[in-house]
Amino acid sequence: MSLGSVSVDLDGLRCYHEIHGLGPGPETGTDPIFAASLSRFAELFEELGLRATFFVVGRDLEDPTQRARVALLAAAGHEIANHSLDHRYDLTLLEPEAIEQQVGGAARAIEAAVGRAPIGFRAPGYVVSDALFEVLARTGVRYDSSVFPCPAYHGAKALAMARIRLAGRRSRSILGSPRVLVAPPDPYAVGRRWFARRTSGGDPARLVELPIGVATGARLPFIGTTLVLAGPRGAAWLGHRMRDRPFVNIELHAIDLCDPSDPGLASIAGVQPDLRVSLARKTEALRAAIGQVRRDGARFVTLAEAAATGEW
């Protein structure tokens, strides 16, 4: 039997402004994406009987309402993990000291909010580097879940960034190294380079990597955006394509359970494709994907539990 995990990146409205080059997003107050989606995720996961991993941006915990929502998720048994302090898309371009501030600052904010330091990390935009992994290992992080070895996603991201430039805007997203495409698609103990499996002579202190899910064969993306755009039947088909993976990592974003009618999202409605899909259809697509993976034999655990199995 394989293992499965569901994780949710809590990227707020500001992140989508930065991706699409729309100028400054909201700096204060409760984010409309969080206000709409977090209770929906909690209800869906309770219905499905699973505990998920939520990747939290440390700075967002300065808002008391958001901090309380995250504390409720932790109290319900969900894992709270580290998504950096400020969700800087250029994280890997910073000096090591600044990278450590982004990792450590978020860890301290999360521990203060939920009473437990996070042991997992996910990089903004899935972009990693050897320098980032060295900081993670040095600061006590047990696993990373950022590597996304998906040619379709890598190409689509490059095309989207080019279109934004042609429209006269500047995306803060960065493409990252194409070496991600040679990284293993299944969990691995990280070797001397972030995209390589540890050999017998590798550093035993390096991390476990739990890559973002890609279907067998053409490595199609098995992430929330793809699933909600594919609809329930397409999501189930993609789920069945994961049946040969020893570990199925379903990565979602908070916006994946937002409805086009939710207040506060008008500024990105014209540029964010999944905001054209109704909440009902999104929910059914996620149920279909998770249900199919379960029917194919996967047992769902948090990412921390998956990393601790020692099977990688």
C-alpha atoms as a PDB file:
ATOM      1  CA  MET A   1       0.000   0.000   0.000  1.00  0.00           C
ATOM      2  CA  SER A   2       1.305   3.462  -0.887  1.00  0.00           C
ATOM      3  CA  LEU A   3       1.065   6.583   1.241  1.00  0.00           C
ATOM      4  CA  GLY A   4      -0.740   9.785   0.305  1.00  0.00           C
ATOM      5  CA  SER A   5      -0.646  13.319   1.672  1.00  0.00           C
ATOM      6  CA  VAL A   6      -2.667  16.444   1.034  1.00  0.00           C
ATOM      7  CA  SER A   7      -1.054  19.816   1.677  1.00  0.00           C
ATOM      8  CA  VAL A   8      -2.356  23.367   1.331  1.00  0.00           C
ATOM      9  CA  ASP A   9      -0.151  26.404   0.690  1.00  0.00           C
ATOM     10  CA  LEU A  10      -1.685  29.426   2.420  1.00  0.00           C
ATOM     11  CA  ASP A  11      -0.776  31.974  -0.260  1.00  0.00           C
ATOM     12  CA  GLY A  12      -2.759  35.164   0.202  1.00  0.00           C
ATOM     13  CA  LEU A  13      -4.069  37.726  -2.257  1.00  0.00           C
ATOM     14  CA  ARG A  14      -0.766  39.629  -2.207  1.00  0.00           C
ATOM     15  CA  CYS A  15       1.026  36.598  -3.670  1.00  0.00           C
ATOM     16  CA  TYR A  16      -1.264  36.581  -6.716  1.00  0.00           C
ATOM     17  CA  HIS A  17      -0.727  40.305  -7.226  1.00  0.00           C
ATOM     18  CA  GLU A  18       3.010  39.607  -7.283  1.00  0.00           C
ATOM     19  CA  ILE A  19       2.745  36.634  -9.647  1.00  0.00           C
ATOM     20  CA  HIS A  20       0.648  38.556 -12.181  1.00  0.00           C
ATOM     21  CA  GLY A  21       2.535  41.850 -11.840  1.00  0.00           C
ATOM     22  CA  LEU A  22      -0.511  43.726 -10.573  1.00  0.00           C
ATOM     23  CA  GLY A  23       1.243  46.006  -8.139  1.00  0.00           C
ATOM     24  CA  PRO A  24       1.038  45.996  -4.349  1.00  0.00           C
ATOM     25  CA  GLY A  25      -1.530  43.748  -2.791  1.00  0.00           C
ATOM     26  CA  PRO A  26      -3.151  44.141   0.622  1.00  0.00           C
ATOM     27  CA  GLU A  27      -0.671  44.720   3.421  1.00  0.00           C
ATOM     28  CA  THR A  28      -2.962  44.672   6.459  1.00  0.00           C
ATOM     29  CA  GLY A  29      -6.173  43.074   7.601  1.00  0.00           C
ATOM     30  CA  THR A  30      -7.528  39.594   7.132  1.00  0.00           C
ATOM     31  CA  ASP A  31      -6.879  38.229   3.665  1.00  0.00           C
ATOM     32  CA  PRO A  32     -10.054  37.499   1.644  1.00  0.00           C
ATOM     33  CA  ILE A  33      -8.644  34.188   0.380  1.00  0.00           C
ATOM     34  CA  PHE A  34      -8.142  32.964   3.937  1.00  0.00           C
ATOM     35  CA  ALA A  35     -11.487  34.326   5.093  1.00  0.00           C
ATOM     36  CA  ALA A  36     -13.245  32.316   2.392  1.00  0.00           C
ATOM     37  CA  SER A  37     -11.312  29.079   2.215  1.00  0.00           C
ATOM     38  CA  LEU A  38      -9.831  27.886   5.493  1.00  0.00           C
ATOM     39  CA  SER A  39     -13.086  26.791   7.102  1.00  0.00           C
ATOM     40  CA  ARG A  40     -14.023  25.061   3.825  1.00  0.00           C
ATOM     41  CA  PHE A  41     -10.794  23.069   3.841  1.00  0.00           C
ATOM     42  CA  ALA A  42     -11.304  22.138   7.492  1.00  0.00           C
ATOM     43  CA  GLU A  43     -14.834  20.903   6.734  1.00  0.00           C
ATOM     44  CA  LEU A  44     -13.763  18.986   3.620  1.00  0.00           C
ATOM     45  CA  PHE A  45     -10.902  17.223   5.390  1.00  0.00           C
ATOM     46  CA  GLU A  46     -13.148  16.374   8.334  1.00  0.00           C
ATOM     47  CA  GLU A  47     -15.681  14.895   5.908  1.00  0.00           C
ATOM     48  CA  LEU A  48     -12.943  12.857   4.213  1.00  0.00           C
ATOM     49  CA  GLY A  49     -11.404  11.774   7.508  1.00  0.00           C
ATOM     50  CA  LEU A  50      -7.884  12.942   6.779  1.00  0.00           C
ATOM     51  CA  ARG A  51      -5.339  15.256   8.379  1.00  0.00           C
ATOM     52  CA  ALA A  52      -3.528  17.599   6.033  1.00  0.00           C
ATOM     53  CA  THR A  53      -0.397  19.743   6.119  1.00  0.00           C
ATOM     54  CA  PHE A  54      -0.846  23.520   5.898  1.00  0.00           C
ATOM     55  CA  PHE A  55       2.160  25.594   4.789  1.00  0.00           C
ATOM     56  CA  VAL A  56       1.939  28.968   6.519  1.00  0.00           C
ATOM     57  CA  VAL A  57       3.643  32.269   5.695  1.00  0.00           C
ATOM     58  CA  GLY A  58       4.996  33.569   8.983  1.00  0.00           C
ATOM     59  CA  ARG A  59       4.143  37.228   8.396  1.00  0.00           C
ATOM     60  CA  ASP A  60       0.455  36.378   7.971  1.00  0.00           C
ATOM     61  CA  LEU A  61       0.352  35.271  11.598  1.00  0.00           C
ATOM     62  CA  GLU A  62       0.685  38.907  12.657  1.00  0.00           C
ATOM     63  CA  ASP A  63      -3.040  39.190  11.909  1.00  0.00           C
ATOM     64  CA  PRO A  64      -4.910  37.919  15.014  1.00  0.00           C
ATOM     65  CA  THR A  65      -7.768  36.464  12.979  1.00  0.00           C
ATOM     66  CA  GLN A  66      -5.415  34.512  10.747  1.00  0.00           C
ATOM     67  CA  ARG A  67      -3.378  33.339  13.719  1.00  0.00           C
ATOM     68  CA  ALA A  68      -6.547  32.052  15.389  1.00  0.00           C
ATOM     69  CA  ARG A  69      -7.586  30.194  12.228  1.00  0.00           C
ATOM     70  CA  VAL A  70      -4.203  28.474  11.984  1.00  0.00           C
ATOM     71  CA  ALA A  71      -4.331  27.554  15.679  1.00  0.00           C
ATOM     72  CA  LEU A  72      -7.723  25.906  15.101  1.00  0.00           C
ATOM     73  CA  LEU A  73      -6.276  23.860  12.241  1.00  0.00           C
ATOM     74  CA  ALA A  74      -3.462  22.676  14.503  1.00  0.00           C
ATOM     75  CA  ALA A  75      -5.912  21.840  17.294  1.00  0.00           C
ATOM     76  CA  ALA A  76      -7.874  19.688  14.824  1.00  0.00           C
ATOM     77  CA  GLY A  77      -4.764  17.580  14.207  1.00  0.00           C
ATOM     78  CA  HIS A  78      -3.484  19.136  10.999  1.00  0.00           C
ATOM     79  CA  GLU A  79       0.253  19.718  10.577  1.00  0.00           C
ATOM     80  CA  ILE A  80       1.427  23.334  10.361  1.00  0.00           C
ATOM     81  CA  ALA A  81       4.579  23.725   8.270  1.00  0.00           C
ATOM     82  CA  ASN A  82       6.875  26.531   7.129  1.00  0.00           C
ATOM     83  CA  HIS A  83       6.278  28.523   3.920  1.00  0.00           C
ATOM     84  CA  SER A  84       8.887  31.212   4.753  1.00  0.00           C
ATOM     85  CA  LEU A  85       8.474  34.496   6.585  1.00  0.00           C
ATOM     86  CA  ASP A  86       7.466  36.775   3.693  1.00  0.00           C
ATOM     87  CA  HIS A  87       6.824  34.407   0.762  1.00  0.00           C
ATOM     88  CA  ARG A  88       9.589  36.024  -1.286  1.00  0.00           C
ATOM     89  CA  TYR A  89       9.659  34.468  -4.736  1.00  0.00           C
ATOM     90  CA  ASP A  90      13.352  35.398  -4.967  1.00  0.00           C
ATOM     91  CA  LEU A  91      14.209  33.512  -1.784  1.00  0.00           C
ATOM     92  CA  THR A  92      16.986  31.488  -3.416  1.00  0.00           C
ATOM     93  CA  LEU A  93      18.630  34.667  -4.741  1.00  0.00           C
ATOM     94  CA  LEU A  94      19.173  36.073  -1.243  1.00  0.00           C
ATOM     95  CA  GLU A  95      22.349  35.841   0.811  1.00  0.00           C
ATOM     96  CA  PRO A  96      22.497  32.847   3.205  1.00  0.00           C
ATOM     97  CA  GLU A  97      21.891  35.085   6.228  1.00  0.00           C
ATOM     98  CA  ALA A  98      18.720  36.493   4.659  1.00  0.00           C
ATOM     99  CA  ILE A  99      17.534  33.002   3.700  1.00  0.00           C
ATOM    100  CA  GLU A 100      18.035  31.916   7.296  1.00  0.00           C
ATOM    101  CA  GLN A 101      15.985  34.896   8.498  1.00  0.00           C
ATOM    102  CA  GLN A 102      13.146  33.872   6.185  1.00  0.00           C
ATOM    103  CA  VAL A 103      13.214  30.266   7.368  1.00  0.00           C
ATOM    104  CA  GLY A 104      13.849  30.910  11.047  1.00  0.00           C
ATOM    105  CA  GLY A 105      11.502  33.890  11.329  1.00  0.00           C
ATOM    106  CA  ALA A 106       8.584  31.858  10.018  1.00  0.00           C
ATOM    107  CA  ALA A 107       9.437  28.921  12.287  1.00  0.00           C
ATOM    108  CA  ARG A 108       9.371  31.175  15.350  1.00  0.00           C
ATOM    109  CA  ALA A 109       6.069  32.764  14.320  1.00  0.00           C
ATOM    110  CA  ILE A 110       4.475  29.345  13.781  1.00  0.00           C
ATOM    111  CA  GLU A 111       5.739  27.988  17.093  1.00  0.00           C
ATOM    112  CA  ALA A 112       4.334  31.040  18.893  1.00  0.00           C
ATOM    113  CA  ALA A 113       0.955  30.555  17.192  1.00  0.00           C
ATOM    114  CA  VAL A 114       0.473  26.791  17.598  1.00  0.00           C
ATOM    115  CA  GLY A 115       2.934  25.784  20.338  1.00  0.00           C
ATOM    116  CA  ARG A 116       5.080  23.571  18.142  1.00  0.00           C
ATOM    117  CA  ALA A 117       7.983  24.354  15.837  1.00  0.00           C
ATOM    118  CA  PRO A 118       7.468  23.215  12.220  1.00  0.00           C
ATOM    119  CA  ILE A 119       9.658  20.454  10.840  1.00  0.00           C
ATOM    120  CA  GLY A 120       8.684  20.811   7.159  1.00  0.00           C
ATOM    121  CA  PHE A 121       9.314  23.527   4.582  1.00  0.00           C
ATOM    122  CA  ARG A 122       7.979  24.491   1.179  1.00  0.00           C
ATOM    123  CA  ALA A 123       9.637  27.206  -0.897  1.00  0.00           C
ATOM    124  CA  PRO A 124       7.630  29.974  -2.555  1.00  0.00           C
ATOM    125  CA  GLY A 125       7.077  29.123  -6.216  1.00  0.00           C
ATOM    126  CA  TYR A 126       8.642  25.656  -5.731  1.00  0.00           C
ATOM    127  CA  VAL A 127      12.105  27.191  -6.344  1.00  0.00           C
ATOM    128  CA  VAL A 128      14.978  25.719  -4.319  1.00  0.00           C
ATOM    129  CA  SER A 129      18.784  25.739  -4.313  1.00  0.00           C
ATOM    130  CA  ASP A 130      21.690  24.050  -2.576  1.00  0.00           C
ATOM    131  CA  ALA A 131      22.120  27.158  -0.402  1.00  0.00           C
ATOM    132  CA  LEU A 132      18.485  26.974   0.739  1.00  0.00           C
ATOM    133  CA  PHE A 133      18.799  23.269   1.544  1.00  0.00           C
ATOM    134  CA  GLU A 134      21.934  23.933   3.579  1.00  0.00           C
ATOM    135  CA  VAL A 135      19.995  26.497   5.641  1.00  0.00           C
ATOM    136  CA  LEU A 136      17.101  24.072   6.120  1.00  0.00           C
ATOM    137  CA  ALA A 137      19.425  21.312   7.343  1.00  0.00           C
ATOM    138  CA  ARG A 138      21.264  23.729   9.632  1.00  0.00           C
ATOM    139  CA  THR A 139      18.056  25.033  11.219  1.00  0.00           C
ATOM    140  CA  GLY A 140      16.579  21.644  12.072  1.00  0.00           C
ATOM    141  CA  VAL A 141      14.103  21.186   9.226  1.00  0.00           C
ATOM    142  CA  ARG A 142      13.407  17.476   8.729  1.00  0.00           C
ATOM    143  CA  TYR A 143      11.869  17.495   5.262  1.00  0.00           C
ATOM    144  CA  ASP A 144      11.299  19.731   2.262  1.00  0.00           C
ATOM    145  CA  SER A 145       8.369  19.477  -0.143  1.00  0.00           C
ATOM    146  CA  SER A 146       9.149  21.946  -2.936  1.00  0.00           C
ATOM    147  CA  VAL A 147      10.711  20.039  -5.826  1.00  0.00           C
ATOM    148  CA  PHE A 148       8.244  19.836  -8.722  1.00  0.00           C
ATOM    149  CA  PRO A 149       9.782  17.767 -11.561  1.00  0.00           C
ATOM    150  CA  CYS A 150       7.046  18.552 -14.060  1.00  0.00           C
ATOM    151  CA  PRO A 151       7.918  19.598 -17.644  1.00  0.00           C
ATOM    152  CA  ALA A 152       4.351  20.804 -18.338  1.00  0.00           C
ATOM    153  CA  TYR A 153       4.346  23.087 -15.297  1.00  0.00           C
ATOM    154  CA  HIS A 154       7.863  24.394 -15.972  1.00  0.00           C
ATOM    155  CA  GLY A 155       6.933  25.250 -19.571  1.00  0.00           C
ATOM    156  CA  ALA A 156       3.593  26.805 -18.643  1.00  0.00           C
ATOM    157  CA  LYS A 157       5.255  28.969 -16.009  1.00  0.00           C
ATOM    158  CA  ALA A 158       7.856  30.234 -18.486  1.00  0.00           C
ATOM    159  CA  LEU A 159       5.110  31.042 -20.999  1.00  0.00           C
ATOM    160  CA  ALA A 160       2.977  32.828 -18.398  1.00  0.00           C
ATOM    161  CA  MET A 161       5.926  34.980 -17.279  1.00  0.00           C
ATOM    162  CA  ALA A 162       6.636  35.898 -20.924  1.00  0.00           C
ATOM    163  CA  ARG A 163       3.007  36.916 -21.469  1.00  0.00           C
ATOM    164  CA  ILE A 164       3.090  39.118 -18.384  1.00  0.00           C
ATOM    165  CA  ARG A 165       6.217  40.863 -19.702  1.00  0.00           C
ATOM    166  CA  LEU A 166       4.580  41.390 -23.107  1.00  0.00           C
ATOM    167  CA  ALA A 167       1.620  42.967 -21.324  1.00  0.00           C
ATOM    168  CA  GLY A 168       3.992  45.502 -19.786  1.00  0.00           C
ATOM    169  CA  ARG A 169       3.872  44.067 -16.272  1.00  0.00           C
ATOM    170  CA  ARG A 170       6.591  42.492 -14.141  1.00  0.00           C
ATOM    171  CA  SER A 171       5.992  39.232 -12.326  1.00  0.00           C
ATOM    172  CA  ARG A 172       7.925  38.699  -9.124  1.00  0.00           C
ATOM    173  CA  SER A 173       7.903  34.967  -9.748  1.00  0.00           C
ATOM    174  CA  ILE A 174      11.145  33.353 -10.905  1.00  0.00           C
ATOM    175  CA  LEU A 175      11.461  30.270 -13.087  1.00  0.00           C
ATOM    176  CA  GLY A 176      14.127  28.371 -11.184  1.00  0.00           C
ATOM    177  CA  SER A 177      16.699  25.914 -12.457  1.00  0.00           C
ATOM    178  CA  PRO A 178      15.732  23.470 -15.239  1.00  0.00           C
ATOM    179  CA  ARG A 179      17.624  20.849 -13.222  1.00  0.00           C
ATOM    180  CA  VAL A 180      14.332  20.329 -11.397  1.00  0.00           C
ATOM    181  CA  LEU A 181      13.269  18.257 -14.420  1.00  0.00           C
ATOM    182  CA  VAL A 182      15.910  15.597 -13.670  1.00  0.00           C
ATOM    183  CA  ALA A 183      15.010  15.337  -9.977  1.00  0.00           C
ATOM    184  CA  PRO A 184      13.385  12.085  -8.808  1.00  0.00           C
ATOM    185  CA  PRO A 185       9.558  12.207  -8.885  1.00  0.00           C
ATOM    186  CA  ASP A 186       9.322  10.020  -5.754  1.00  0.00           C
ATOM    187  CA  PRO A 187      10.629  10.795  -2.228  1.00  0.00           C
ATOM    188  CA  TYR A 188      14.381  10.730  -1.775  1.00  0.00           C
ATOM    189  CA  ALA A 189      17.070  11.484   0.756  1.00  0.00           C
ATOM    190  CA  VAL A 190      18.802  14.554  -0.662  1.00  0.00           C
ATOM    191  CA  GLY A 191      22.403  14.087  -1.782  1.00  0.00           C
ATOM    192  CA  ARG A 192      25.170  16.564  -2.432  1.00  0.00           C
ATOM    193  CA  ARG A 193      22.909  18.495  -4.801  1.00  0.00           C
ATOM    194  CA  TRP A 194      19.264  19.263  -4.150  1.00  0.00           C
ATOM    195  CA  PHE A 195      18.070  17.444  -7.283  1.00  0.00           C
ATOM    196  CA  ALA A 196      20.017  14.216  -6.624  1.00  0.00           C
ATOM    197  CA  ARG A 197      19.351  11.218  -4.416  1.00  0.00           C
ATOM    198  CA  ARG A 198      21.849  10.576  -1.624  1.00  0.00           C
ATOM    199  CA  THR A 199      24.288   7.773  -2.338  1.00  0.00           C
ATOM    200  CA  SER A 200      26.168   5.721   0.208  1.00  0.00           C
ATOM    201  CA  GLY A 201      28.810   8.437   0.317  1.00  0.00           C
ATOM    202  CA  GLY A 202      26.367  11.315   0.662  1.00  0.00           C
ATOM    203  CA  ASP A 203      25.867  13.563   3.655  1.00  0.00           C
ATOM    204  CA  PRO A 204      23.559  11.728   6.109  1.00  0.00           C
ATOM    205  CA  ALA A 205      22.475  15.069   7.623  1.00  0.00           C
ATOM    206  CA  ARG A 206      20.736  16.231   4.441  1.00  0.00           C
ATOM    207  CA  LEU A 207      16.969  16.397   4.150  1.00  0.00           C
ATOM    208  CA  VAL A 208      14.241  14.119   2.939  1.00  0.00           C
ATOM    209  CA  GLU A 209      12.564  15.553  -0.161  1.00  0.00           C
ATOM    210  CA  LEU A 210       8.870  14.829  -0.741  1.00  0.00           C
ATOM    211  CA  PRO A 211       8.343  16.036  -4.327  1.00  0.00           C
ATOM    212  CA  ILE A 212       5.127  17.636  -5.542  1.00  0.00           C
ATOM    213  CA  GLY A 213       2.972  15.014  -7.257  1.00  0.00           C
ATOM    214  CA  VAL A 214       3.361  14.216 -10.955  1.00  0.00           C
ATOM    215  CA  ALA A 215       1.499  11.437 -12.741  1.00  0.00           C
ATOM    216  CA  THR A 216       3.424   8.498 -14.151  1.00  0.00           C
ATOM    217  CA  GLY A 217       4.362   8.621 -17.817  1.00  0.00           C
ATOM    218  CA  ALA A 218       4.366  12.220 -19.046  1.00  0.00           C
ATOM    219  CA  ARG A 219       4.706  13.604 -15.495  1.00  0.00           C
ATOM    220  CA  LEU A 220       1.472  15.592 -15.686  1.00  0.00           C
ATOM    221  CA  PRO A 221       0.948  17.918 -12.705  1.00  0.00           C
ATOM    222  CA  PHE A 222      -1.145  16.505  -9.881  1.00  0.00           C
ATOM    223  CA  ILE A 223      -1.821  19.792  -8.094  1.00  0.00           C
ATOM    224  CA  GLY A 224      -4.896  21.766  -7.137  1.00  0.00           C
ATOM    225  CA  THR A 225      -4.935  24.102 -10.139  1.00  0.00           C
ATOM    226  CA  THR A 226      -4.846  21.171 -12.567  1.00  0.00           C
ATOM    227  CA  LEU A 227      -7.464  19.215 -10.650  1.00  0.00           C
ATOM    228  CA  VAL A 228     -10.043  21.998 -10.338  1.00  0.00           C
ATOM    229  CA  LEU A 229      -9.649  22.973 -13.997  1.00  0.00           C
ATOM    230  CA  ALA A 230      -9.931  19.315 -15.051  1.00  0.00           C
ATOM    231  CA  GLY A 231     -13.206  18.842 -13.174  1.00  0.00           C
ATOM    232  CA  PRO A 232     -14.304  15.721 -11.278  1.00  0.00           C
ATOM    233  CA  ARG A 233     -13.854  13.227 -14.136  1.00  0.00           C
ATOM    234  CA  GLY A 234     -10.468  14.602 -15.176  1.00  0.00           C
ATOM    235  CA  ALA A 235      -9.314  14.770 -11.552  1.00  0.00           C
ATOM    236  CA  ALA A 236     -10.259  11.123 -10.997  1.00  0.00           C
ATOM    237  CA  TRP A 237      -8.432  10.135 -14.194  1.00  0.00           C
ATOM    238  CA  LEU A 238      -5.298  11.939 -13.009  1.00  0.00           C
ATOM    239  CA  GLY A 239      -5.671  10.311  -9.601  1.00  0.00           C
ATOM    240  CA  HIS A 240      -5.672   6.881 -11.196  1.00  0.00           C
ATOM    241  CA  ARG A 241      -2.466   7.832 -13.040  1.00  0.00           C
ATOM    242  CA  MET A 242      -0.804   8.115  -9.602  1.00  0.00           C
ATOM    243  CA  ARG A 243      -1.496   4.494  -8.666  1.00  0.00           C
ATOM    244  CA  ASP A 244       2.093   3.309  -9.212  1.00  0.00           C
ATOM    245  CA  ARG A 245       3.679   6.009  -7.073  1.00  0.00           C
ATOM    246  CA  PRO A 246       4.916   4.859  -3.631  1.00  0.00           C
ATOM    247  CA  PHE A 247       3.884   8.262  -2.305  1.00  0.00           C
ATOM    248  CA  VAL A 248       1.133  10.528  -3.680  1.00  0.00           C
ATOM    249  CA  ASN A 249       1.683  14.179  -2.763  1.00  0.00           C
ATOM    250  CA  ILE A 250      -1.422  16.270  -3.567  1.00  0.00           C
ATOM    251  CA  GLU A 251      -0.457  19.945  -3.309  1.00  0.00           C
ATOM    252  CA  LEU A 252      -3.229  22.539  -3.107  1.00  0.00           C
ATOM    253  CA  HIS A 253      -3.499  26.279  -2.493  1.00  0.00           C
ATOM    254  CA  ALA A 254      -5.960  28.152  -0.319  1.00  0.00           C
ATOM    255  CA  ILE A 255      -7.489  29.692  -3.459  1.00  0.00           C
ATOM    256  CA  ASP A 256      -8.507  26.197  -4.632  1.00  0.00           C
ATOM    257  CA  LEU A 257     -11.607  26.451  -2.440  1.00  0.00           C
ATOM    258  CA  CYS A 258     -12.524  30.025  -3.329  1.00  0.00           C
ATOM    259  CA  ASP A 259     -15.646  30.789  -5.342  1.00  0.00           C
ATOM    260  CA  PRO A 260     -15.781  33.485  -8.075  1.00  0.00           C
ATOM    261  CA  SER A 261     -18.435  35.264  -5.974  1.00  0.00           C
ATOM    262  CA  ASP A 262     -16.305  35.482  -2.816  1.00  0.00           C
ATOM    263  CA  PRO A 263     -15.721  39.122  -1.796  1.00  0.00           C
ATOM    264  CA  GLY A 264     -12.330  40.777  -2.177  1.00  0.00           C
ATOM    265  CA  LEU A 265     -11.045  38.811  -5.183  1.00  0.00           C
ATOM    266  CA  ALA A 266     -12.075  41.121  -8.034  1.00  0.00           C
ATOM    267  CA  SER A 267      -8.512  42.388  -8.563  1.00  0.00           C
ATOM    268  CA  ILE A 268      -7.311  38.942  -9.738  1.00  0.00           C
ATOM    269  CA  ALA A 269     -10.509  37.512 -11.219  1.00  0.00           C
ATOM    270  CA  GLY A 270      -9.484  38.347 -14.787  1.00  0.00           C
ATOM    271  CA  VAL A 271      -6.020  36.768 -14.573  1.00  0.00           C
ATOM    272  CA  GLN A 272      -6.437  33.757 -12.277  1.00  0.00           C
ATOM    273  CA  PRO A 273      -7.992  30.902 -14.318  1.00  0.00           C
ATOM    274  CA  ASP A 274      -9.257  28.860 -11.383  1.00  0.00           C
ATOM    275  CA  LEU A 275     -11.389  31.780 -10.205  1.00  0.00           C
ATOM    276  CA  ARG A 276     -13.651  31.044 -13.159  1.00  0.00           C
ATOM    277  CA  VAL A 277     -14.588  27.683 -11.610  1.00  0.00           C
ATOM    278  CA  SER A 278     -17.390  27.457  -9.057  1.00  0.00           C
ATOM    279  CA  LEU A 279     -16.746  26.334  -5.508  1.00  0.00           C
ATOM    280  CA  ALA A 280     -19.084  23.362  -5.976  1.00  0.00           C
ATOM    281  CA  ARG A 281     -17.155  22.076  -9.005  1.00  0.00           C
ATOM    282  CA  LYS A 282     -13.808  22.637  -7.292  1.00  0.00           C
ATOM    283  CA  THR A 283     -14.928  20.713  -4.233  1.00  0.00           C
ATOM    284  CA  GLU A 284     -16.190  17.812  -6.308  1.00  0.00           C
ATOM    285  CA  ALA A 285     -12.920  17.705  -8.254  1.00  0.00           C
ATOM    286  CA  LEU A 286     -10.862  17.499  -5.065  1.00  0.00           C
ATOM    287  CA  ARG A 287     -13.170  14.820  -3.633  1.00  0.00           C
ATOM    288  CA  ALA A 288     -12.810  12.856  -6.892  1.00  0.00           C
ATOM    289  CA  ALA A 289      -9.009  13.032  -6.901  1.00  0.00           C
ATOM    290  CA  ILE A 290      -8.595  12.083  -3.244  1.00  0.00           C
ATOM    291  CA  GLY A 291     -11.239   9.376  -3.512  1.00  0.00           C
ATOM    292  CA  GLN A 292      -9.562   7.802  -6.528  1.00  0.00           C
ATOM    293  CA  VAL A 293      -6.161   7.744  -4.821  1.00  0.00           C
ATOM    294  CA  ARG A 294      -7.788   6.075  -1.827  1.00  0.00           C
ATOM    295  CA  ARG A 295      -9.544   3.500  -3.982  1.00  0.00           C
ATOM    296  CA  ASP A 296      -6.194   2.670  -5.527  1.00  0.00           C
ATOM    297  CA  GLY A 297      -4.893   1.752  -2.079  1.00  0.00           C
ATOM    298  CA  ALA A 298      -3.185   4.832  -0.613  1.00  0.00           C
ATOM    299  CA  ARG A 299      -3.336   5.550   3.111  1.00  0.00           C
ATOM    300  CA  PHE A 300      -3.341   9.282   3.870  1.00  0.00           C
ATOM    301  CA  VAL A 301      -0.930  10.775   6.408  1.00  0.00           C
ATOM    302  CA  THR A 302       0.567  14.214   7.020  1.00  0.00           C
ATOM    303  CA  LEU A 303       3.812  15.094   5.273  1.00  0.00           C
ATOM    304  CA  ALA A 304       5.640  14.906   8.602  1.00  0.00           C
ATOM    305  CA  GLU A 305       4.374  11.349   9.078  1.00  0.00           C
ATOM    306  CA  ALA A 306       5.392  10.434   5.540  1.00  0.00           C
ATOM    307  CA  ALA A 307       8.905  11.835   6.026  1.00  0.00           C
ATOM    308  CA  ALA A 308       9.296   9.914   9.296  1.00  0.00           C
ATOM    309  CA  THR A 309       8.595   6.501   7.790  1.00  0.00           C
ATOM    310  CA  GLY A 310      12.279   6.018   7.007  1.00  0.00           C
ATOM    311  CA  GLU A 311      11.401   4.307   3.724  1.00  0.00           C
ATOM    312  CA  TRP A 312      13.115   6.923   1.590  1.00  0.00           C
END
